[in-house]
Amino acid sequence: MQEYNLAICVVLLPVNLLISVPEKDLFMKSTIINTGEKFILNHEGMESYLAYRRRGEVLDFYSAYVPGSLRGKGLASDLILHGMHYAVLNGLRVRPSHPAVLRFLEINREWEYLTVYSLN
């Protein structure tokens, strides 16, 4: 019988974690801020967000907003992807209550394993 020594690294992330997300323009970066209630992305002086409620081990993504002049630039997808990564890093599941999140999951089926459709 062989013995293996394994090293495990655990990283604890604060609630107000700042993560840089590459923009479509490779020379610019935007920062997504987690307030504990929503992920906020400021771009061109305007705020976009993905709001969530934490219910036990589930993040309920219930509201999203991108200003009209910024729509179609992938900002909602960036926010949702950030939310999915946040869920994975924190051992949480996701309830896609907002239509934009449902559309994201239809296109990106690799995230289906995280989803729950009821809080019961």
PDB file of N, CA and C in Angstrom:
ATOM      1  N   MET A   1       0.837  -1.175   0.000  1.00  0.00           N
ATOM      2  CA  MET A   1       0.000   0.000   0.000  1.00  0.00           C
ATOM      3  C   MET A   1       0.884   1.241   0.000  1.00  0.00           C
ATOM      4  N   GLN A   2       0.616   2.159  -0.931  1.00  0.00           N
ATOM      5  CA  GLN A   2       1.399   3.381  -1.025  1.00  0.00           C
ATOM      6  C   GLN A   2       0.722   4.514  -0.276  1.00  0.00           C
ATOM      7  N   GLU A   3       1.541   5.345   0.301  1.00  0.00           N
ATOM      8  CA  GLU A   3       1.026   6.543   0.955  1.00  0.00           C
ATOM      9  C   GLU A   3       1.315   7.744   0.075  1.00  0.00           C
ATOM     10  N   TYR A   4       0.378   8.647   0.032  1.00  0.00           N
ATOM     11  CA  TYR A   4       0.532   9.871  -0.738  1.00  0.00           C
ATOM     12  C   TYR A   4       0.367  11.059   0.191  1.00  0.00           C
ATOM     13  N   ASN A   5       1.250  11.986   0.082  1.00  0.00           N
ATOM     14  CA  ASN A   5       1.122  13.245   0.811  1.00  0.00           C
ATOM     15  C   ASN A   5       0.511  14.270  -0.132  1.00  0.00           C
ATOM     16  N   LEU A   6      -0.630  14.779   0.231  1.00  0.00           N
ATOM     17  CA  LEU A   6      -1.322  15.755  -0.597  1.00  0.00           C
ATOM     18  C   LEU A   6      -1.331  17.106   0.097  1.00  0.00           C
ATOM     19  N   ALA A   7      -1.045  18.126  -0.651  1.00  0.00           N
ATOM     20  CA  ALA A   7      -1.139  19.491  -0.133  1.00  0.00           C
ATOM     21  C   ALA A   7      -2.405  20.113  -0.691  1.00  0.00           C
ATOM     22  N   ILE A   8      -3.216  20.664   0.182  1.00  0.00           N
ATOM     23  CA  ILE A   8      -4.462  21.300  -0.234  1.00  0.00           C
ATOM     24  C   ILE A   8      -4.383  22.773   0.126  1.00  0.00           C
ATOM     25  N   CYS A   9      -4.690  23.601  -0.843  1.00  0.00           N
ATOM     26  CA  CYS A   9      -4.673  25.046  -0.637  1.00  0.00           C
ATOM     27  C   CYS A   9      -6.108  25.557  -0.643  1.00  0.00           C
ATOM     28  N   VAL A  10      -6.495  26.235   0.409  1.00  0.00           N
ATOM     29  CA  VAL A  10      -7.830  26.815   0.505  1.00  0.00           C
ATOM     30  C   VAL A  10      -7.677  28.328   0.552  1.00  0.00           C
ATOM     31  N   VAL A  11      -8.415  28.999  -0.306  1.00  0.00           N
ATOM     32  CA  VAL A  11      -8.376  30.458  -0.344  1.00  0.00           C
ATOM     33  C   VAL A  11      -9.736  30.984   0.090  1.00  0.00           C
ATOM     34  N   LEU A  12      -9.765  31.773   1.128  1.00  0.00           N
ATOM     35  CA  LEU A  12     -11.000  32.394   1.589  1.00  0.00           C
ATOM     36  C   LEU A  12     -11.091  33.785   0.981  1.00  0.00           C
ATOM     37  N   LEU A  13     -12.225  34.067   0.356  1.00  0.00           N
ATOM     38  CA  LEU A  13     -12.409  35.339  -0.329  1.00  0.00           C
ATOM     39  C   LEU A  13     -13.399  36.214   0.431  1.00  0.00           C
ATOM     40  N   PRO A  14     -13.107  37.507   0.571  1.00  0.00           N
ATOM     41  CA  PRO A  14     -14.037  38.401   1.267  1.00  0.00           C
ATOM     42  C   PRO A  14     -15.280  38.665   0.434  1.00  0.00           C
ATOM     43  N   VAL A  15     -16.364  39.065   1.103  1.00  0.00           N
ATOM     44  CA  VAL A  15     -17.623  39.351   0.420  1.00  0.00           C
ATOM     45  C   VAL A  15     -17.455  40.486  -0.579  1.00  0.00           C
ATOM     46  N   ASN A  16     -16.657  41.474  -0.258  1.00  0.00           N
ATOM     47  CA  ASN A  16     -16.490  42.614  -1.159  1.00  0.00           C
ATOM     48  C   ASN A  16     -15.324  42.396  -2.122  1.00  0.00           C
ATOM     49  N   LEU A  17     -15.215  41.176  -2.609  1.00  0.00           N
ATOM     50  CA  LEU A  17     -14.162  40.769  -3.523  1.00  0.00           C
ATOM     51  C   LEU A  17     -14.200  41.575  -4.816  1.00  0.00           C
ATOM     52  N   LEU A  18     -13.051  42.037  -5.237  1.00  0.00           N
ATOM     53  CA  LEU A  18     -12.927  42.747  -6.507  1.00  0.00           C
ATOM     54  C   LEU A  18     -12.246  41.822  -7.504  1.00  0.00           C
ATOM     55  N   ILE A  19     -12.860  41.641  -8.665  1.00  0.00           N
ATOM     56  CA  ILE A  19     -12.270  40.810  -9.707  1.00  0.00           C
ATOM     57  C   ILE A  19     -12.283  41.593 -11.004  1.00  0.00           C
ATOM     58  N   SER A  20     -11.160  41.603 -11.701  1.00  0.00           N
ATOM     59  CA  SER A  20     -11.097  42.278 -12.996  1.00  0.00           C
ATOM     60  C   SER A  20     -11.614  41.348 -14.078  1.00  0.00           C
ATOM     61  N   VAL A  21     -12.396  41.903 -14.974  1.00  0.00           N
ATOM     62  CA  VAL A  21     -12.969  41.156 -16.087  1.00  0.00           C
ATOM     63  C   VAL A  21     -12.499  41.807 -17.374  1.00  0.00           C
ATOM     64  N   PRO A  22     -11.914  41.021 -18.308  1.00  0.00           N
ATOM     65  CA  PRO A  22     -11.470  41.641 -19.554  1.00  0.00           C
ATOM     66  C   PRO A  22     -12.649  42.168 -20.357  1.00  0.00           C
ATOM     67  N   GLU A  23     -12.504  43.356 -20.886  1.00  0.00           N
ATOM     68  CA  GLU A  23     -13.530  43.954 -21.739  1.00  0.00           C
ATOM     69  C   GLU A  23     -13.364  43.419 -23.144  1.00  0.00           C
ATOM     70  N   LYS A  24     -14.310  43.745 -24.003  1.00  0.00           N
ATOM     71  CA  LYS A  24     -14.203  43.379 -25.407  1.00  0.00           C
ATOM     72  C   LYS A  24     -13.005  44.105 -26.026  1.00  0.00           C
ATOM     73  N   ASP A  25     -12.722  45.316 -25.551  1.00  0.00           N
ATOM     74  CA  ASP A  25     -11.524  46.050 -25.939  1.00  0.00           C
ATOM     75  C   ASP A  25     -10.390  45.524 -25.060  1.00  0.00           C
ATOM     76  N   LEU A  26      -9.405  44.897 -25.660  1.00  0.00           N
ATOM     77  CA  LEU A  26      -8.366  44.208 -24.902  1.00  0.00           C
ATOM     78  C   LEU A  26      -7.504  45.130 -24.049  1.00  0.00           C
ATOM     79  N   PHE A  27      -7.589  46.431 -24.275  1.00  0.00           N
ATOM     80  CA  PHE A  27      -6.743  47.354 -23.538  1.00  0.00           C
ATOM     81  C   PHE A  27      -7.428  47.945 -22.313  1.00  0.00           C
ATOM     82  N   MET A  28      -8.679  47.596 -22.083  1.00  0.00           N
ATOM     83  CA  MET A  28      -9.408  48.143 -20.949  1.00  0.00           C
ATOM     84  C   MET A  28      -9.829  47.019 -20.014  1.00  0.00           C
ATOM     85  N   LYS A  29      -9.994  47.338 -18.767  1.00  0.00           N
ATOM     86  CA  LYS A  29     -10.504  46.387 -17.784  1.00  0.00           C
ATOM     87  C   LYS A  29     -11.616  47.063 -17.001  1.00  0.00           C
ATOM     88  N   SER A  30     -12.572  46.260 -16.569  1.00  0.00           N
ATOM     89  CA  SER A  30     -13.610  46.744 -15.668  1.00  0.00           C
ATOM     90  C   SER A  30     -13.530  45.909 -14.405  1.00  0.00           C
ATOM     91  N   THR A  31     -13.979  46.458 -13.328  1.00  0.00           N
ATOM     92  CA  THR A  31     -13.972  45.757 -12.056  1.00  0.00           C
ATOM     93  C   THR A  31     -15.395  45.458 -11.647  1.00  0.00           C
ATOM     94  N   ILE A  32     -15.623  44.219 -11.224  1.00  0.00           N
ATOM     95  CA  ILE A  32     -16.926  43.830 -10.697  1.00  0.00           C
ATOM     96  C   ILE A  32     -16.812  43.823  -9.182  1.00  0.00           C
ATOM     97  N   ILE A  33     -17.725  44.517  -8.539  1.00  0.00           N
ATOM     98  CA  ILE A  33     -17.738  44.632  -7.084  1.00  0.00           C
ATOM     99  C   ILE A  33     -18.909  43.824  -6.545  1.00  0.00           C
ATOM    100  N   ASN A  34     -18.645  43.024  -5.514  1.00  0.00           N
ATOM    101  CA  ASN A  34     -19.695  42.264  -4.843  1.00  0.00           C
ATOM    102  C   ASN A  34     -20.052  42.982  -3.550  1.00  0.00           C
ATOM    103  N   THR A  35     -21.279  43.493  -3.467  1.00  0.00           N
ATOM    104  CA  THR A  35     -21.708  44.219  -2.267  1.00  0.00           C
ATOM    105  C   THR A  35     -22.319  43.305  -1.212  1.00  0.00           C
ATOM    106  N   GLY A  36     -22.495  42.025  -1.546  1.00  0.00           N
ATOM    107  CA  GLY A  36     -23.204  41.109  -0.653  1.00  0.00           C
ATOM    108  C   GLY A  36     -24.665  40.979  -1.028  1.00  0.00           C
ATOM    109  N   GLU A  37     -25.141  41.855  -1.922  1.00  0.00           N
ATOM    110  CA  GLU A  37     -26.515  41.798  -2.433  1.00  0.00           C
ATOM    111  C   GLU A  37     -26.561  41.820  -3.950  1.00  0.00           C
ATOM    112  N   LYS A  38     -25.491  42.333  -4.555  1.00  0.00           N
ATOM    113  CA  LYS A  38     -25.433  42.366  -6.015  1.00  0.00           C
ATOM    114  C   LYS A  38     -23.995  42.512  -6.477  1.00  0.00           C
ATOM    115  N   PHE A  39     -23.768  42.087  -7.719  1.00  0.00           N
ATOM    116  CA  PHE A  39     -22.497  42.289  -8.392  1.00  0.00           C
ATOM    117  C   PHE A  39     -22.668  43.533  -9.259  1.00  0.00           C
ATOM    118  N   ILE A  40     -21.764  44.485  -9.132  1.00  0.00           N
ATOM    119  CA  ILE A  40     -21.872  45.760  -9.846  1.00  0.00           C
ATOM    120  C   ILE A  40     -20.672  45.928 -10.769  1.00  0.00           C
ATOM    121  N   LEU A  41     -20.961  46.349 -11.999  1.00  0.00           N
ATOM    122  CA  LEU A  41     -19.930  46.645 -12.980  1.00  0.00           C
ATOM    123  C   LEU A  41     -20.146  48.073 -13.465  1.00  0.00           C
ATOM    124  N   ASN A  42     -19.162  48.921 -13.292  1.00  0.00           N
ATOM    125  CA  ASN A  42     -19.232  50.299 -13.793  1.00  0.00           C
ATOM    126  C   ASN A  42     -18.481  50.370 -15.112  1.00  0.00           C
ATOM    127  N   HIS A  43     -19.166  50.854 -16.147  1.00  0.00           N
ATOM    128  CA  HIS A  43     -18.570  50.956 -17.480  1.00  0.00           C
ATOM    129  C   HIS A  43     -19.059  52.246 -18.122  1.00  0.00           C
ATOM    130  N   GLU A  44     -18.118  53.022 -18.633  1.00  0.00           N
ATOM    131  CA  GLU A  44     -18.440  54.306 -19.255  1.00  0.00           C
ATOM    132  C   GLU A  44     -19.273  55.193 -18.320  1.00  0.00           C
ATOM    133  N   GLY A  45     -18.967  55.132 -17.023  1.00  0.00           N
ATOM    134  CA  GLY A  45     -19.650  55.960 -16.040  1.00  0.00           C
ATOM    135  C   GLY A  45     -21.052  55.505 -15.679  1.00  0.00           C
ATOM    136  N   MET A  46     -21.462  54.335 -16.174  1.00  0.00           N
ATOM    137  CA  MET A  46     -22.808  53.817 -15.884  1.00  0.00           C
ATOM    138  C   MET A  46     -22.710  52.474 -15.168  1.00  0.00           C
ATOM    139  N   GLU A  47     -23.704  52.218 -14.318  1.00  0.00           N
ATOM    140  CA  GLU A  47     -23.711  51.015 -13.492  1.00  0.00           C
ATOM    141  C   GLU A  47     -24.627  49.941 -14.065  1.00  0.00           C
ATOM    142  N   SER A  48     -24.084  48.726 -14.178  1.00  0.00           N
ATOM    143  CA  SER A  48     -24.859  47.525 -14.498  1.00  0.00           C
ATOM    144  C   SER A  48     -24.770  46.625 -13.273  1.00  0.00           C
ATOM    145  N   TYR A  49     -25.777  45.771 -13.078  1.00  0.00           N
ATOM    146  CA  TYR A  49     -25.710  44.903 -11.903  1.00  0.00           C
ATOM    147  C   TYR A  49     -26.450  43.589 -12.120  1.00  0.00           C
ATOM    148  N   LEU A  50     -26.092  42.616 -11.288  1.00  0.00           N
ATOM    149  CA  LEU A  50     -26.812  41.355 -11.136  1.00  0.00           C
ATOM    150  C   LEU A  50     -27.112  41.229  -9.648  1.00  0.00           C
ATOM    151  N   ALA A  51     -28.393  41.316  -9.283  1.00  0.00           N
ATOM    152  CA  ALA A  51     -28.789  41.259  -7.868  1.00  0.00           C
ATOM    153  C   ALA A  51     -29.093  39.815  -7.477  1.00  0.00           C
ATOM    154  N   TYR A  52     -28.773  39.489  -6.231  1.00  0.00           N
ATOM    155  CA  TYR A  52     -29.034  38.135  -5.736  1.00  0.00           C
ATOM    156  C   TYR A  52     -29.440  38.172  -4.272  1.00  0.00           C
ATOM    157  N   ARG A  53     -30.115  37.102  -3.877  1.00  0.00           N
ATOM    158  CA  ARG A  53     -30.426  36.846  -2.466  1.00  0.00           C
ATOM    159  C   ARG A  53     -29.788  35.514  -2.121  1.00  0.00           C
ATOM    160  N   ARG A  54     -29.123  35.461  -0.994  1.00  0.00           N
ATOM    161  CA  ARG A  54     -28.581  34.186  -0.546  1.00  0.00           C
ATOM    162  C   ARG A  54     -29.601  33.547   0.370  1.00  0.00           C
ATOM    163  N   ARG A  55     -29.991  32.336   0.012  1.00  0.00           N
ATOM    164  CA  ARG A  55     -30.942  31.561   0.818  1.00  0.00           C
ATOM    165  C   ARG A  55     -30.296  30.221   1.120  1.00  0.00           C
ATOM    166  N   GLY A  56     -29.709  30.138   2.292  1.00  0.00           N
ATOM    167  CA  GLY A  56     -28.974  28.924   2.640  1.00  0.00           C
ATOM    168  C   GLY A  56     -27.769  28.780   1.728  1.00  0.00           C
ATOM    169  N   GLU A  57     -27.728  27.679   1.003  1.00  0.00           N
ATOM    170  CA  GLU A  57     -26.616  27.391   0.101  1.00  0.00           C
ATOM    171  C   GLU A  57     -26.947  27.732  -1.348  1.00  0.00           C
ATOM    172  N   VAL A  58     -27.951  28.593  -1.554  1.00  0.00           N
ATOM    173  CA  VAL A  58     -28.396  28.949  -2.909  1.00  0.00           C
ATOM    174  C   VAL A  58     -28.338  30.464  -3.102  1.00  0.00           C
ATOM    175  N   LEU A  59     -27.781  30.882  -4.241  1.00  0.00           N
ATOM    176  CA  LEU A  59     -27.850  32.281  -4.661  1.00  0.00           C
ATOM    177  C   LEU A  59     -29.002  32.397  -5.642  1.00  0.00           C
ATOM    178  N   ASP A  60     -29.982  33.209  -5.312  1.00  0.00           N
ATOM    179  CA  ASP A  60     -31.128  33.439  -6.191  1.00  0.00           C
ATOM    180  C   ASP A  60     -30.840  34.694  -7.004  1.00  0.00           C
ATOM    181  N   PHE A  61     -30.487  34.521  -8.291  1.00  0.00           N
ATOM    182  CA  PHE A  61     -30.242  35.650  -9.192  1.00  0.00           C
ATOM    183  C   PHE A  61     -31.590  36.141  -9.685  1.00  0.00           C
ATOM    184  N   TYR A  62     -32.109  37.181  -9.059  1.00  0.00           N
ATOM    185  CA  TYR A  62     -33.493  37.598  -9.305  1.00  0.00           C
ATOM    186  C   TYR A  62     -33.640  38.886 -10.114  1.00  0.00           C
ATOM    187  N   SER A  63     -32.568  39.653 -10.295  1.00  0.00           N
ATOM    188  CA  SER A  63     -32.694  40.915 -11.021  1.00  0.00           C
ATOM    189  C   SER A  63     -31.372  41.260 -11.695  1.00  0.00           C
ATOM    190  N   ALA A  64     -31.475  41.822 -12.893  1.00  0.00           N
ATOM    191  CA  ALA A  64     -30.281  42.266 -13.617  1.00  0.00           C
ATOM    192  C   ALA A  64     -30.634  43.529 -14.387  1.00  0.00           C
ATOM    193  N   TYR A  65     -29.632  44.391 -14.544  1.00  0.00           N
ATOM    194  CA  TYR A  65     -29.866  45.633 -15.285  1.00  0.00           C
ATOM    195  C   TYR A  65     -28.583  46.068 -15.981  1.00  0.00           C
ATOM    196  N   VAL A  66     -28.731  46.418 -17.261  1.00  0.00           N
ATOM    197  CA  VAL A  66     -27.667  47.044 -18.040  1.00  0.00           C
ATOM    198  C   VAL A  66     -28.299  48.253 -18.723  1.00  0.00           C
ATOM    199  N   PRO A  67     -27.702  49.456 -18.597  1.00  0.00           N
ATOM    200  CA  PRO A  67     -28.266  50.637 -19.264  1.00  0.00           C
ATOM    201  C   PRO A  67     -28.408  50.403 -20.774  1.00  0.00           C
ATOM    202  N   GLY A  68     -29.448  50.988 -21.346  1.00  0.00           N
ATOM    203  CA  GLY A  68     -29.757  50.778 -22.757  1.00  0.00           C
ATOM    204  C   GLY A  68     -28.589  50.999 -23.698  1.00  0.00           C
ATOM    205  N   SER A  69     -27.816  52.044 -23.472  1.00  0.00           N
ATOM    206  CA  SER A  69     -26.705  52.355 -24.380  1.00  0.00           C
ATOM    207  C   SER A  69     -25.555  51.349 -24.285  1.00  0.00           C
ATOM    208  N   LEU A  70     -25.563  50.505 -23.251  1.00  0.00           N
ATOM    209  CA  LEU A  70     -24.497  49.512 -23.073  1.00  0.00           C
ATOM    210  C   LEU A  70     -24.955  48.093 -23.412  1.00  0.00           C
ATOM    211  N   ARG A  71     -26.211  47.925 -23.754  1.00  0.00           N
ATOM    212  CA  ARG A  71     -26.716  46.583 -24.061  1.00  0.00           C
ATOM    213  C   ARG A  71     -26.081  46.049 -25.338  1.00  0.00           C
ATOM    214  N   GLY A  72     -25.947  44.739 -25.382  1.00  0.00           N
ATOM    215  CA  GLY A  72     -25.356  44.099 -26.550  1.00  0.00           C
ATOM    216  C   GLY A  72     -23.837  44.048 -26.521  1.00  0.00           C
ATOM    217  N   LYS A  73     -23.233  44.486 -25.426  1.00  0.00           N
ATOM    218  CA  LYS A  73     -21.773  44.481 -25.304  1.00  0.00           C
ATOM    219  C   LYS A  73     -21.275  43.344 -24.419  1.00  0.00           C
ATOM    220  N   GLY A  74     -22.177  42.483 -23.965  1.00  0.00           N
ATOM    221  CA  GLY A  74     -21.778  41.338 -23.155  1.00  0.00           C
ATOM    222  C   GLY A  74     -21.626  41.620 -21.675  1.00  0.00           C
ATOM    223  N   LEU A  75     -22.079  42.790 -21.216  1.00  0.00           N
ATOM    224  CA  LEU A  75     -21.910  43.122 -19.797  1.00  0.00           C
ATOM    225  C   LEU A  75     -22.759  42.229 -18.900  1.00  0.00           C
ATOM    226  N   ALA A  76     -23.993  41.926 -19.314  1.00  0.00           N
ATOM    227  CA  ALA A  76     -24.842  41.035 -18.514  1.00  0.00           C
ATOM    228  C   ALA A  76     -24.201  39.654 -18.419  1.00  0.00           C
ATOM    229  N   SER A  77     -23.672  39.161 -19.531  1.00  0.00           N
ATOM    230  CA  SER A  77     -22.995  37.859 -19.511  1.00  0.00           C
ATOM    231  C   SER A  77     -21.785  37.881 -18.594  1.00  0.00           C
ATOM    232  N   ASP A  78     -21.023  38.979 -18.619  1.00  0.00           N
ATOM    233  CA  ASP A  78     -19.868  39.101 -17.724  1.00  0.00           C
ATOM    234  C   ASP A  78     -20.303  39.033 -16.262  1.00  0.00           C
ATOM    235  N   LEU A  79     -21.376  39.735 -15.929  1.00  0.00           N
ATOM    236  CA  LEU A  79     -21.880  39.728 -14.550  1.00  0.00           C
ATOM    237  C   LEU A  79     -22.368  38.345 -14.145  1.00  0.00           C
ATOM    238  N   ILE A  80     -23.113  37.692 -15.033  1.00  0.00           N
ATOM    239  CA  ILE A  80     -23.645  36.361 -14.720  1.00  0.00           C
ATOM    240  C   ILE A  80     -22.507  35.361 -14.573  1.00  0.00           C
ATOM    241  N   LEU A  81     -21.539  35.415 -15.475  1.00  0.00           N
ATOM    242  CA  LEU A  81     -20.384  34.522 -15.382  1.00  0.00           C
ATOM    243  C   LEU A  81     -19.640  34.745 -14.070  1.00  0.00           C
ATOM    244  N   HIS A  82     -19.482  35.994 -13.681  1.00  0.00           N
ATOM    245  CA  HIS A  82     -18.846  36.300 -12.400  1.00  0.00           C
ATOM    246  C   HIS A  82     -19.648  35.677 -11.246  1.00  0.00           C
ATOM    247  N   GLY A  83     -20.982  35.812 -11.311  1.00  0.00           N
ATOM    248  CA  GLY A  83     -21.833  35.216 -10.285  1.00  0.00           C
ATOM    249  C   GLY A  83     -21.700  33.703 -10.223  1.00  0.00           C
ATOM    250  N   MET A  84     -21.574  33.065 -11.375  1.00  0.00           N
ATOM    251  CA  MET A  84     -21.405  31.607 -11.410  1.00  0.00           C
ATOM    252  C   MET A  84     -20.067  31.212 -10.781  1.00  0.00           C
ATOM    253  N   HIS A  85     -19.013  31.950 -11.116  1.00  0.00           N
ATOM    254  CA  HIS A  85     -17.712  31.671 -10.509  1.00  0.00           C
ATOM    255  C   HIS A  85     -17.757  31.878  -8.996  1.00  0.00           C
ATOM    256  N   TYR A  86     -18.429  32.930  -8.571  1.00  0.00           N
ATOM    257  CA  TYR A  86     -18.569  33.194  -7.138  1.00  0.00           C
ATOM    258  C   TYR A  86     -19.270  32.019  -6.448  1.00  0.00           C
ATOM    259  N   ALA A  87     -20.317  31.493  -7.077  1.00  0.00           N
ATOM    260  CA  ALA A  87     -21.040  30.350  -6.507  1.00  0.00           C
ATOM    261  C   ALA A  87     -20.118  29.141  -6.375  1.00  0.00           C
ATOM    262  N   VAL A  88     -19.362  28.841  -7.421  1.00  0.00           N
ATOM    263  CA  VAL A  88     -18.448  27.696  -7.381  1.00  0.00           C
ATOM    264  C   VAL A  88     -17.419  27.872  -6.273  1.00  0.00           C
ATOM    265  N   LEU A  89     -16.804  29.045  -6.206  1.00  0.00           N
ATOM    266  CA  LEU A  89     -15.759  29.296  -5.207  1.00  0.00           C
ATOM    267  C   LEU A  89     -16.277  29.206  -3.776  1.00  0.00           C
ATOM    268  N   ASN A  90     -17.571  29.420  -3.596  1.00  0.00           N
ATOM    269  CA  ASN A  90     -18.153  29.408  -2.255  1.00  0.00           C
ATOM    270  C   ASN A  90     -19.034  28.194  -1.990  1.00  0.00           C
ATOM    271  N   GLY A  91     -18.995  27.197  -2.871  1.00  0.00           N
ATOM    272  CA  GLY A  91     -19.745  25.959  -2.669  1.00  0.00           C
ATOM    273  C   GLY A  91     -21.249  26.154  -2.683  1.00  0.00           C
ATOM    274  N   LEU A  92     -21.728  27.086  -3.505  1.00  0.00           N
ATOM    275  CA  LEU A  92     -23.150  27.418  -3.543  1.00  0.00           C
ATOM    276  C   LEU A  92     -23.790  26.934  -4.833  1.00  0.00           C
ATOM    277  N   ARG A  93     -25.112  26.878  -4.846  1.00  0.00           N
ATOM    278  CA  ARG A  93     -25.896  26.588  -6.047  1.00  0.00           C
ATOM    279  C   ARG A  93     -26.541  27.890  -6.502  1.00  0.00           C
ATOM    280  N   VAL A  94     -27.130  27.876  -7.695  1.00  0.00           N
ATOM    281  CA  VAL A  94     -27.714  29.083  -8.283  1.00  0.00           C
ATOM    282  C   VAL A  94     -29.148  28.820  -8.700  1.00  0.00           C
ATOM    283  N   ARG A  95     -30.034  29.745  -8.332  1.00  0.00           N
ATOM    284  CA  ARG A  95     -31.418  29.718  -8.817  1.00  0.00           C
ATOM    285  C   ARG A  95     -31.558  30.832  -9.851  1.00  0.00           C
ATOM    286  N   PRO A  96     -31.816  30.479 -11.120  1.00  0.00           N
ATOM    287  CA  PRO A  96     -31.901  31.479 -12.187  1.00  0.00           C
ATOM    288  C   PRO A  96     -33.293  32.082 -12.305  1.00  0.00           C
ATOM    289  N   SER A  97     -33.637  33.010 -11.433  1.00  0.00           N
ATOM    290  CA  SER A  97     -34.975  33.611 -11.430  1.00  0.00           C
ATOM    291  C   SER A  97     -35.155  34.686 -12.498  1.00  0.00           C
ATOM    292  N   HIS A  98     -34.082  35.254 -12.999  1.00  0.00           N
ATOM    293  CA  HIS A  98     -34.180  36.334 -13.991  1.00  0.00           C
ATOM    294  C   HIS A  98     -34.030  35.763 -15.406  1.00  0.00           C
ATOM    295  N   PRO A  99     -34.812  36.270 -16.375  1.00  0.00           N
ATOM    296  CA  PRO A  99     -34.744  35.751 -17.751  1.00  0.00           C
ATOM    297  C   PRO A  99     -33.343  35.808 -18.377  1.00  0.00           C
ATOM    298  N   ALA A 100     -32.557  36.820 -18.062  1.00  0.00           N
ATOM    299  CA  ALA A 100     -31.204  36.904 -18.631  1.00  0.00           C
ATOM    300  C   ALA A 100     -30.335  35.749 -18.141  1.00  0.00           C
ATOM    301  N   VAL A 101     -30.521  35.352 -16.889  1.00  0.00           N
ATOM    302  CA  VAL A 101     -29.750  34.240 -16.336  1.00  0.00           C
ATOM    303  C   VAL A 101     -30.209  32.932 -16.979  1.00  0.00           C
ATOM    304  N   LEU A 102     -31.513  32.779 -17.178  1.00  0.00           N
ATOM    305  CA  LEU A 102     -32.029  31.589 -17.867  1.00  0.00           C
ATOM    306  C   LEU A 102     -31.461  31.494 -19.281  1.00  0.00           C
ATOM    307  N   ARG A 103     -31.415  32.604 -20.010  1.00  0.00           N
ATOM    308  CA  ARG A 103     -30.845  32.607 -21.368  1.00  0.00           C
ATOM    309  C   ARG A 103     -29.360  32.257 -21.337  1.00  0.00           C
ATOM    310  N   PHE A 104     -28.648  32.819 -20.372  1.00  0.00           N
ATOM    311  CA  PHE A 104     -27.227  32.516 -20.232  1.00  0.00           C
ATOM    312  C   PHE A 104     -27.024  31.012 -20.058  1.00  0.00           C
ATOM    313  N   LEU A 105     -27.855  30.385 -19.219  1.00  0.00           N
ATOM    314  CA  LEU A 105     -27.723  28.950 -18.961  1.00  0.00           C
ATOM    315  C   LEU A 105     -28.127  28.104 -20.162  1.00  0.00           C
ATOM    316  N   GLU A 106     -29.062  28.587 -20.970  1.00  0.00           N
ATOM    317  CA  GLU A 106     -29.420  27.868 -22.196  1.00  0.00           C
ATOM    318  C   GLU A 106     -28.235  27.823 -23.157  1.00  0.00           C
ATOM    319  N   ILE A 107     -27.488  28.902 -23.214  1.00  0.00           N
ATOM    320  CA  ILE A 107     -26.338  28.997 -24.119  1.00  0.00           C
ATOM    321  C   ILE A 107     -25.108  28.324 -23.526  1.00  0.00           C
ATOM    322  N   ASN A 108     -24.945  28.422 -22.229  1.00  0.00           N
ATOM    323  CA  ASN A 108     -23.752  27.913 -21.533  1.00  0.00           C
ATOM    324  C   ASN A 108     -24.131  26.746 -20.636  1.00  0.00           C
ATOM    325  N   ARG A 109     -24.441  25.637 -21.236  1.00  0.00           N
ATOM    326  CA  ARG A 109     -24.953  24.470 -20.502  1.00  0.00           C
ATOM    327  C   ARG A 109     -23.950  23.867 -19.519  1.00  0.00           C
ATOM    328  N   GLU A 110     -22.697  24.235 -19.628  1.00  0.00           N
ATOM    329  CA  GLU A 110     -21.701  23.699 -18.699  1.00  0.00           C
ATOM    330  C   GLU A 110     -21.950  24.150 -17.259  1.00  0.00           C
ATOM    331  N   TRP A 111     -22.807  25.160 -17.073  1.00  0.00           N
ATOM    332  CA  TRP A 111     -23.129  25.648 -15.729  1.00  0.00           C
ATOM    333  C   TRP A 111     -24.410  25.030 -15.170  1.00  0.00           C
ATOM    334  N   GLU A 112     -25.082  24.186 -15.929  1.00  0.00           N
ATOM    335  CA  GLU A 112     -26.355  23.581 -15.507  1.00  0.00           C
ATOM    336  C   GLU A 112     -26.231  22.849 -14.173  1.00  0.00           C
ATOM    337  N   TYR A 113     -25.087  22.233 -13.925  1.00  0.00           N
ATOM    338  CA  TYR A 113     -24.921  21.447 -12.699  1.00  0.00           C
ATOM    339  C   TYR A 113     -25.088  22.288 -11.431  1.00  0.00           C
ATOM    340  N   LEU A 114     -24.941  23.597 -11.536  1.00  0.00           N
ATOM    341  CA  LEU A 114     -25.069  24.474 -10.367  1.00  0.00           C
ATOM    342  C   LEU A 114     -26.504  24.883 -10.078  1.00  0.00           C
ATOM    343  N   THR A 115     -27.405  24.669 -11.033  1.00  0.00           N
ATOM    344  CA  THR A 115     -28.730  25.274 -10.931  1.00  0.00           C
ATOM    345  C   THR A 115     -29.716  24.464 -10.112  1.00  0.00           C
ATOM    346  N   VAL A 116     -30.576  25.205  -9.432  1.00  0.00           N
ATOM    347  CA  VAL A 116     -31.755  24.652  -8.761  1.00  0.00           C
ATOM    348  C   VAL A 116     -32.920  25.546  -9.168  1.00  0.00           C
ATOM    349  N   TYR A 117     -34.084  24.955  -9.320  1.00  0.00           N
ATOM    350  CA  TYR A 117     -35.223  25.743  -9.787  1.00  0.00           C
ATOM    351  C   TYR A 117     -36.271  25.945  -8.704  1.00  0.00           C
ATOM    352  N   SER A 118     -36.009  25.414  -7.524  1.00  0.00           N
ATOM    353  CA  SER A 118     -36.929  25.599  -6.409  1.00  0.00           C
ATOM    354  C   SER A 118     -36.100  25.719  -5.144  1.00  0.00           C
ATOM    355  N   LEU A 119     -36.601  26.444  -4.187  1.00  0.00           N
ATOM    356  CA  LEU A 119     -35.875  26.612  -2.922  1.00  0.00           C
ATOM    357  C   LEU A 119     -36.362  25.658  -1.846  1.00  0.00           C
ATOM    358  N   ASN A 120     -37.237  24.724  -2.202  1.00  0.00           N
ATOM    359  CA  ASN A 120     -37.769  23.764  -1.217  1.00  0.00           C
ATOM    360  C   ASN A 120     -36.802  22.655  -0.948  1.00  0.00           C
TER     361      ASN A 120
END
